[in-house]
């Protein structure tokens, strides 16, 4: 399902020069049915009260789902994935260390992909669950 011929180095290079790089999101595993990435919990990703910002969790989730969709597109020179809906439930706070996302497909269609993203802390506790819908559109 996911193209595992694309290396982690190539996947991580896609995020250079954008928010993914700014937040130091790093893709660490790619398998045919899921991807894993991590993000630091630090001054860039915390809200003013010292906790992981919910928006940072959403950035991690949308970044992972978008990359996962990209890995499913047969002809990425002709088509691209764009996020059209995301939701997130923040279940537990994180104050430091890293959070880790695991992104798995719920539906991979011709024009729509739906992803389940679970984000955990260093202890393996569930911090956030998210669902992302991507539309597959022709590049212009």
N, C-alpha and C. Protein backbone atom coordinates (compact mmCIF):
# COMPACT_ATOMS: atom_id res chain seq x y z
N UNK A 1 0.83 -1.18 0.00
CA UNK A 1 0.00 0.00 0.00
C UNK A 1 0.88 1.25 0.00
N UNK A 2 1.69 1.49 1.05
CA UNK A 2 2.62 2.63 1.05
C UNK A 2 3.87 2.22 0.29
N UNK A 3 4.42 3.14 -0.47
CA UNK A 3 5.62 2.89 -1.25
C UNK A 3 6.83 2.86 -0.32
N UNK A 4 7.34 1.67 -0.06
CA UNK A 4 8.49 1.54 0.84
C UNK A 4 9.82 1.64 0.10
N UNK A 5 9.78 1.89 -1.21
CA UNK A 5 11.01 2.06 -1.99
C UNK A 5 11.59 3.45 -1.79
N UNK A 6 10.76 4.37 -1.31
CA UNK A 6 11.25 5.72 -1.01
C UNK A 6 11.91 5.68 0.36
N UNK A 7 13.16 6.11 0.44
CA UNK A 7 13.94 6.00 1.68
C UNK A 7 13.49 7.02 2.72
N UNK A 8 13.85 6.76 3.96
CA UNK A 8 13.59 7.72 5.03
C UNK A 8 14.29 9.05 4.74
N UNK A 9 15.47 9.00 4.16
CA UNK A 9 16.19 10.22 3.82
C UNK A 9 15.38 11.05 2.81
N UNK A 10 14.79 10.40 1.81
CA UNK A 10 13.98 11.10 0.82
C UNK A 10 12.71 11.66 1.47
N UNK A 11 12.09 10.88 2.34
CA UNK A 11 10.87 11.33 3.02
C UNK A 11 11.17 12.54 3.89
N UNK A 12 12.25 12.47 4.67
CA UNK A 12 12.60 13.59 5.54
C UNK A 12 13.02 14.82 4.74
N UNK A 13 13.59 14.63 3.55
CA UNK A 13 13.99 15.76 2.71
C UNK A 13 12.79 16.56 2.23
N UNK A 14 11.63 15.91 2.08
CA UNK A 14 10.42 16.60 1.63
C UNK A 14 10.02 17.70 2.61
N UNK A 15 10.33 17.52 3.88
CA UNK A 15 9.95 18.50 4.90
C UNK A 15 10.91 19.66 5.08
N UNK A 16 11.99 19.69 4.32
CA UNK A 16 12.96 20.79 4.46
C UNK A 16 12.34 22.11 4.01
N UNK A 17 12.63 23.16 4.78
CA UNK A 17 12.20 24.49 4.41
C UNK A 17 10.74 24.80 4.73
N UNK A 18 10.11 23.99 5.57
CA UNK A 18 8.72 24.25 5.93
C UNK A 18 8.50 23.95 7.42
N UNK A 19 7.26 23.91 7.84
CA UNK A 19 6.95 23.70 9.25
C UNK A 19 7.50 22.39 9.79
N UNK A 20 7.53 21.37 8.97
CA UNK A 20 8.05 20.06 9.40
C UNK A 20 9.49 20.22 9.89
N UNK A 21 10.29 20.94 9.13
CA UNK A 21 11.68 21.18 9.54
C UNK A 21 11.74 22.07 10.77
N UNK A 22 10.92 23.13 10.80
CA UNK A 22 10.93 24.06 11.92
C UNK A 22 10.62 23.36 13.25
N UNK A 23 9.68 22.41 13.23
CA UNK A 23 9.32 21.69 14.46
C UNK A 23 10.15 20.43 14.67
N UNK A 24 11.11 20.19 13.79
CA UNK A 24 12.00 19.02 13.84
C UNK A 24 11.23 17.71 13.85
N UNK A 25 10.18 17.64 13.05
CA UNK A 25 9.47 16.37 12.87
C UNK A 25 10.36 15.47 12.03
N UNK A 26 10.57 14.26 12.51
CA UNK A 26 11.44 13.31 11.81
C UNK A 26 10.69 12.00 11.59
N UNK A 27 10.64 11.57 10.35
CA UNK A 27 10.06 10.27 10.02
C UNK A 27 11.12 9.22 10.33
N UNK A 28 10.73 8.21 11.10
CA UNK A 28 11.70 7.23 11.58
C UNK A 28 11.48 5.82 11.05
N UNK A 29 10.26 5.52 10.60
CA UNK A 29 9.96 4.19 10.06
C UNK A 29 8.93 4.32 8.95
N UNK A 30 9.10 3.52 7.91
CA UNK A 30 8.09 3.42 6.87
C UNK A 30 7.90 1.94 6.56
N UNK A 31 6.66 1.51 6.62
CA UNK A 31 6.28 0.12 6.33
C UNK A 31 5.15 0.17 5.31
N UNK A 32 4.80 -0.96 4.79
CA UNK A 32 3.76 -0.98 3.75
C UNK A 32 2.40 -0.58 4.30
N UNK A 33 2.19 -0.69 5.62
CA UNK A 33 0.88 -0.36 6.17
C UNK A 33 0.90 0.69 7.29
N UNK A 34 2.03 1.34 7.54
CA UNK A 34 2.07 2.45 8.50
C UNK A 34 3.39 3.20 8.39
N UNK A 35 3.39 4.43 8.93
CA UNK A 35 4.62 5.20 9.09
C UNK A 35 4.67 5.71 10.53
N UNK A 36 5.88 5.97 10.98
CA UNK A 36 6.10 6.50 12.33
C UNK A 36 7.00 7.73 12.21
N UNK A 37 6.66 8.75 13.01
CA UNK A 37 7.47 9.96 13.07
C UNK A 37 7.53 10.42 14.53
N UNK A 38 8.51 11.26 14.82
CA UNK A 38 8.62 11.82 16.17
C UNK A 38 8.78 13.32 16.09
N UNK A 39 8.42 13.97 17.20
CA UNK A 39 8.52 15.43 17.30
C UNK A 39 8.94 15.79 18.72
N UNK A 40 9.89 16.71 18.89
CA UNK A 40 10.29 17.09 20.25
C UNK A 40 9.20 17.93 20.93
N UNK A 41 9.13 17.78 22.23
CA UNK A 41 8.29 18.65 23.05
C UNK A 41 9.25 19.67 23.65
N UNK A 42 9.28 20.87 23.05
CA UNK A 42 10.21 21.91 23.48
C UNK A 42 9.58 23.28 23.27
N UNK A 43 10.40 24.32 23.32
CA UNK A 43 9.88 25.70 23.24
C UNK A 43 9.08 25.97 21.97
N UNK A 44 9.33 25.23 20.89
CA UNK A 44 8.59 25.45 19.63
C UNK A 44 7.24 24.79 19.63
N UNK A 45 7.07 23.74 20.44
CA UNK A 45 5.85 22.93 20.37
C UNK A 45 4.99 23.02 21.63
N UNK A 46 5.42 23.84 22.60
CA UNK A 46 4.65 23.99 23.84
C UNK A 46 3.78 25.24 23.80
N UNK A 47 2.67 25.18 24.55
CA UNK A 47 1.85 26.37 24.76
C UNK A 47 2.41 27.13 25.97
N UNK A 48 1.91 28.33 26.27
CA UNK A 48 2.50 29.16 27.33
C UNK A 48 2.55 28.53 28.72
N UNK A 49 1.75 27.51 28.98
CA UNK A 49 1.73 26.90 30.31
C UNK A 49 2.64 25.68 30.41
N UNK A 50 3.50 25.49 29.39
CA UNK A 50 4.52 24.45 29.45
C UNK A 50 4.10 23.08 28.96
N UNK A 51 2.90 22.97 28.38
CA UNK A 51 2.41 21.68 27.88
C UNK A 51 2.49 21.65 26.36
N UNK A 52 2.55 20.45 25.81
CA UNK A 52 2.51 20.30 24.36
C UNK A 52 1.28 21.00 23.81
N UNK A 53 1.47 21.87 22.85
CA UNK A 53 0.37 22.62 22.24
C UNK A 53 -0.45 21.66 21.38
N UNK A 54 -1.77 21.71 21.51
CA UNK A 54 -2.63 20.86 20.70
C UNK A 54 -2.42 21.08 19.21
N UNK A 55 -2.14 22.31 18.83
CA UNK A 55 -1.88 22.61 17.43
C UNK A 55 -0.63 21.91 16.91
N UNK A 56 0.37 21.75 17.77
CA UNK A 56 1.58 21.04 17.35
C UNK A 56 1.27 19.56 17.09
N UNK A 57 0.41 18.99 17.93
CA UNK A 57 -0.02 17.61 17.70
C UNK A 57 -0.74 17.48 16.36
N UNK A 58 -1.56 18.48 16.03
CA UNK A 58 -2.29 18.47 14.76
C UNK A 58 -1.31 18.62 13.59
N UNK A 59 -0.29 19.46 13.75
CA UNK A 59 0.72 19.59 12.70
C UNK A 59 1.41 18.24 12.46
N UNK A 60 1.77 17.56 13.54
CA UNK A 60 2.39 16.24 13.40
C UNK A 60 1.45 15.28 12.68
N UNK A 61 0.18 15.25 13.10
CA UNK A 61 -0.79 14.33 12.49
C UNK A 61 -0.99 14.63 11.00
N UNK A 62 -1.19 15.91 10.66
CA UNK A 62 -1.44 16.24 9.25
C UNK A 62 -0.20 16.02 8.41
N UNK A 63 0.97 16.30 8.95
CA UNK A 63 2.21 16.05 8.22
C UNK A 63 2.37 14.56 7.92
N UNK A 64 2.08 13.74 8.91
CA UNK A 64 2.21 12.29 8.72
C UNK A 64 1.20 11.76 7.70
N UNK A 65 -0.05 12.17 7.82
CA UNK A 65 -1.06 11.70 6.89
C UNK A 65 -0.81 12.16 5.48
N UNK A 66 -0.34 13.38 5.32
CA UNK A 66 -0.04 13.90 3.98
C UNK A 66 1.12 13.13 3.34
N UNK A 67 2.15 12.87 4.12
CA UNK A 67 3.27 12.08 3.60
C UNK A 67 2.81 10.66 3.28
N UNK A 68 2.00 10.07 4.15
CA UNK A 68 1.50 8.72 3.89
C UNK A 68 0.69 8.68 2.59
N UNK A 69 -0.15 9.69 2.36
CA UNK A 69 -0.90 9.75 1.10
C UNK A 69 0.05 9.87 -0.08
N UNK A 70 1.04 10.72 0.04
CA UNK A 70 2.04 10.87 -1.02
C UNK A 70 2.69 9.52 -1.36
N UNK A 71 2.93 8.72 -0.31
CA UNK A 71 3.55 7.41 -0.53
C UNK A 71 2.60 6.41 -1.18
N UNK A 72 1.31 6.74 -1.25
CA UNK A 72 0.32 5.86 -1.87
C UNK A 72 -0.04 6.26 -3.30
N UNK A 73 0.34 7.45 -3.70
CA UNK A 73 -0.04 7.96 -5.02
C UNK A 73 0.83 7.27 -6.08
N UNK A 74 0.16 6.70 -7.08
CA UNK A 74 0.89 5.99 -8.13
C UNK A 74 1.77 6.90 -8.96
N UNK A 75 1.30 8.10 -9.27
CA UNK A 75 2.05 9.02 -10.11
C UNK A 75 2.14 10.39 -9.42
N UNK A 76 3.09 10.53 -8.45
CA UNK A 76 3.19 11.80 -7.73
C UNK A 76 3.64 12.98 -8.58
N UNK A 77 4.09 12.72 -9.81
CA UNK A 77 4.42 13.84 -10.69
C UNK A 77 3.14 14.46 -11.27
N UNK A 78 2.05 13.70 -11.26
CA UNK A 78 0.77 14.17 -11.81
C UNK A 78 -0.25 14.52 -10.75
N UNK A 79 -0.17 13.83 -9.59
CA UNK A 79 -1.17 14.00 -8.52
C UNK A 79 -0.49 14.33 -7.21
N UNK A 80 -1.24 14.98 -6.33
CA UNK A 80 -0.75 15.29 -4.99
C UNK A 80 -1.90 15.11 -4.00
N UNK A 81 -1.55 15.06 -2.74
CA UNK A 81 -2.55 14.92 -1.67
C UNK A 81 -2.68 16.24 -0.94
N UNK A 82 -3.93 16.63 -0.66
CA UNK A 82 -4.18 17.84 0.13
C UNK A 82 -5.14 17.48 1.26
N UNK A 83 -4.83 17.94 2.45
CA UNK A 83 -5.70 17.71 3.59
C UNK A 83 -6.98 18.50 3.44
N UNK A 84 -8.12 17.85 3.67
CA UNK A 84 -9.41 18.55 3.58
C UNK A 84 -10.17 18.55 4.90
N UNK A 85 -9.79 17.66 5.82
CA UNK A 85 -10.45 17.64 7.14
C UNK A 85 -9.54 16.92 8.11
N UNK A 86 -9.42 17.49 9.30
CA UNK A 86 -8.66 16.82 10.36
C UNK A 86 -9.38 17.06 11.68
N UNK A 87 -9.37 16.06 12.53
CA UNK A 87 -9.86 16.25 13.90
C UNK A 87 -8.85 15.65 14.84
N UNK A 88 -8.89 16.09 16.07
CA UNK A 88 -7.93 15.61 17.07
C UNK A 88 -8.58 15.64 18.44
N UNK A 89 -8.36 14.59 19.19
CA UNK A 89 -8.76 14.53 20.59
C UNK A 89 -7.48 14.48 21.41
N UNK A 90 -7.29 15.48 22.26
CA UNK A 90 -6.11 15.57 23.11
C UNK A 90 -6.44 14.88 24.42
N UNK A 91 -5.74 13.79 24.70
CA UNK A 91 -6.11 12.90 25.80
C UNK A 91 -5.21 13.01 27.02
N UNK A 92 -3.97 13.43 26.81
CA UNK A 92 -3.02 13.52 27.92
C UNK A 92 -1.98 14.58 27.57
N UNK A 93 -1.46 15.26 28.56
CA UNK A 93 -0.46 16.29 28.30
C UNK A 93 0.93 15.67 28.21
N UNK A 94 1.83 16.43 27.59
CA UNK A 94 3.26 16.09 27.55
C UNK A 94 4.01 17.37 27.86
N UNK A 95 5.07 17.26 28.66
CA UNK A 95 5.84 18.44 29.07
C UNK A 95 7.25 18.46 28.50
N UNK A 96 7.78 17.31 28.13
CA UNK A 96 9.16 17.26 27.63
C UNK A 96 9.37 15.97 26.86
N UNK A 97 10.58 15.78 26.39
CA UNK A 97 10.91 14.57 25.64
C UNK A 97 10.43 14.66 24.20
N UNK A 98 9.85 13.57 23.73
CA UNK A 98 9.34 13.47 22.37
C UNK A 98 7.93 12.92 22.40
N UNK A 99 7.19 13.20 21.34
CA UNK A 99 5.95 12.48 21.07
C UNK A 99 6.16 11.74 19.75
N UNK A 100 5.47 10.61 19.62
CA UNK A 100 5.65 9.71 18.48
C UNK A 100 4.29 9.45 17.85
N UNK A 101 4.23 9.62 16.54
CA UNK A 101 2.99 9.36 15.83
C UNK A 101 3.09 8.08 15.03
N UNK A 102 1.99 7.33 15.01
CA UNK A 102 1.87 6.17 14.14
C UNK A 102 0.65 6.40 13.27
N UNK A 103 0.86 6.40 11.98
CA UNK A 103 -0.17 6.73 11.00
C UNK A 103 -0.52 5.47 10.21
N UNK A 104 -1.80 5.08 10.27
CA UNK A 104 -2.27 3.88 9.56
C UNK A 104 -3.48 4.25 8.71
N UNK A 105 -3.66 3.56 7.58
CA UNK A 105 -4.79 3.89 6.71
C UNK A 105 -6.11 3.34 7.23
N UNK A 106 -7.16 4.12 7.07
CA UNK A 106 -8.52 3.65 7.29
C UNK A 106 -9.19 3.38 5.95
N UNK A 107 -8.84 4.20 4.93
CA UNK A 107 -9.39 4.04 3.57
C UNK A 107 -8.41 4.65 2.59
N UNK A 108 -8.03 3.86 1.59
CA UNK A 108 -7.20 4.36 0.50
C UNK A 108 -8.00 4.18 -0.78
N UNK A 109 -8.58 5.26 -1.23
CA UNK A 109 -9.37 5.22 -2.47
C UNK A 109 -8.63 5.92 -3.59
N UNK A 110 -9.27 6.03 -4.73
CA UNK A 110 -8.67 6.67 -5.89
C UNK A 110 -8.53 8.17 -5.69
N UNK A 111 -9.55 8.79 -5.05
CA UNK A 111 -9.55 10.25 -4.89
C UNK A 111 -9.57 10.71 -3.44
N UNK A 112 -9.63 9.78 -2.50
CA UNK A 112 -9.68 10.15 -1.09
C UNK A 112 -8.95 9.10 -0.25
N UNK A 113 -8.16 9.60 0.70
CA UNK A 113 -7.49 8.76 1.69
C UNK A 113 -7.91 9.23 3.08
N UNK A 114 -8.14 8.29 3.99
CA UNK A 114 -8.46 8.63 5.38
C UNK A 114 -7.44 7.91 6.26
N UNK A 115 -6.85 8.67 7.19
CA UNK A 115 -5.76 8.16 8.04
C UNK A 115 -6.11 8.26 9.51
N UNK A 116 -5.66 7.28 10.27
CA UNK A 116 -5.76 7.28 11.73
C UNK A 116 -4.35 7.54 12.26
N UNK A 117 -4.21 8.54 13.10
CA UNK A 117 -2.91 8.89 13.66
C UNK A 117 -3.02 8.86 15.18
N UNK A 118 -2.21 8.03 15.80
CA UNK A 118 -2.15 7.95 17.26
C UNK A 118 -0.80 8.50 17.70
N UNK A 119 -0.84 9.44 18.64
CA UNK A 119 0.36 10.10 19.14
C UNK A 119 0.56 9.71 20.59
N UNK A 120 1.77 9.22 20.91
CA UNK A 120 2.10 8.77 22.27
C UNK A 120 3.30 9.55 22.79
N UNK A 121 3.49 9.49 24.11
CA UNK A 121 4.65 10.14 24.74
C UNK A 121 5.78 9.13 24.90
N UNK A 122 6.86 9.56 25.56
CA UNK A 122 8.01 8.67 25.76
C UNK A 122 7.65 7.41 26.54
N UNK A 123 6.65 7.50 27.42
CA UNK A 123 6.24 6.34 28.23
C UNK A 123 5.26 5.43 27.47
N UNK A 124 4.88 5.82 26.27
CA UNK A 124 3.93 5.02 25.49
C UNK A 124 2.48 5.35 25.77
N UNK A 125 2.23 6.38 26.58
CA UNK A 125 0.86 6.79 26.89
C UNK A 125 0.26 7.52 25.69
N UNK A 126 -1.02 7.28 25.44
CA UNK A 126 -1.71 7.93 24.34
C UNK A 126 -1.95 9.40 24.68
N UNK A 127 -1.41 10.31 23.88
CA UNK A 127 -1.51 11.75 24.09
C UNK A 127 -2.62 12.34 23.22
N UNK A 128 -2.74 11.86 21.98
CA UNK A 128 -3.69 12.43 21.03
C UNK A 128 -4.08 11.37 20.00
N UNK A 129 -5.34 11.39 19.60
CA UNK A 129 -5.79 10.58 18.46
C UNK A 129 -6.36 11.55 17.44
N UNK A 130 -6.06 11.28 16.18
CA UNK A 130 -6.47 12.19 15.12
C UNK A 130 -6.90 11.38 13.90
N UNK A 131 -7.77 11.99 13.11
CA UNK A 131 -8.17 11.40 11.83
C UNK A 131 -8.03 12.49 10.78
N UNK A 132 -7.36 12.14 9.67
CA UNK A 132 -7.12 13.08 8.58
C UNK A 132 -7.71 12.52 7.30
N UNK A 133 -8.43 13.38 6.57
CA UNK A 133 -8.92 13.04 5.23
C UNK A 133 -8.14 13.87 4.22
N UNK A 134 -7.57 13.19 3.23
CA UNK A 134 -6.84 13.85 2.15
C UNK A 134 -7.56 13.61 0.83
N UNK A 135 -7.67 14.67 0.03
CA UNK A 135 -8.16 14.53 -1.34
C UNK A 135 -6.94 14.36 -2.24
N UNK A 136 -7.08 13.50 -3.24
CA UNK A 136 -6.03 13.30 -4.23
C UNK A 136 -6.41 14.12 -5.45
N UNK A 137 -5.60 15.12 -5.75
CA UNK A 137 -5.94 16.06 -6.82
C UNK A 137 -4.81 16.13 -7.84
N UNK A 138 -5.17 16.54 -9.04
CA UNK A 138 -4.17 16.70 -10.10
C UNK A 138 -3.34 17.93 -9.82
N UNK A 139 -2.03 17.81 -10.01
CA UNK A 139 -1.13 18.96 -9.87
C UNK A 139 -1.40 19.96 -10.97
N UNK A 140 -1.21 21.23 -10.67
CA UNK A 140 -1.41 22.29 -11.69
C UNK A 140 -0.11 22.90 -12.06
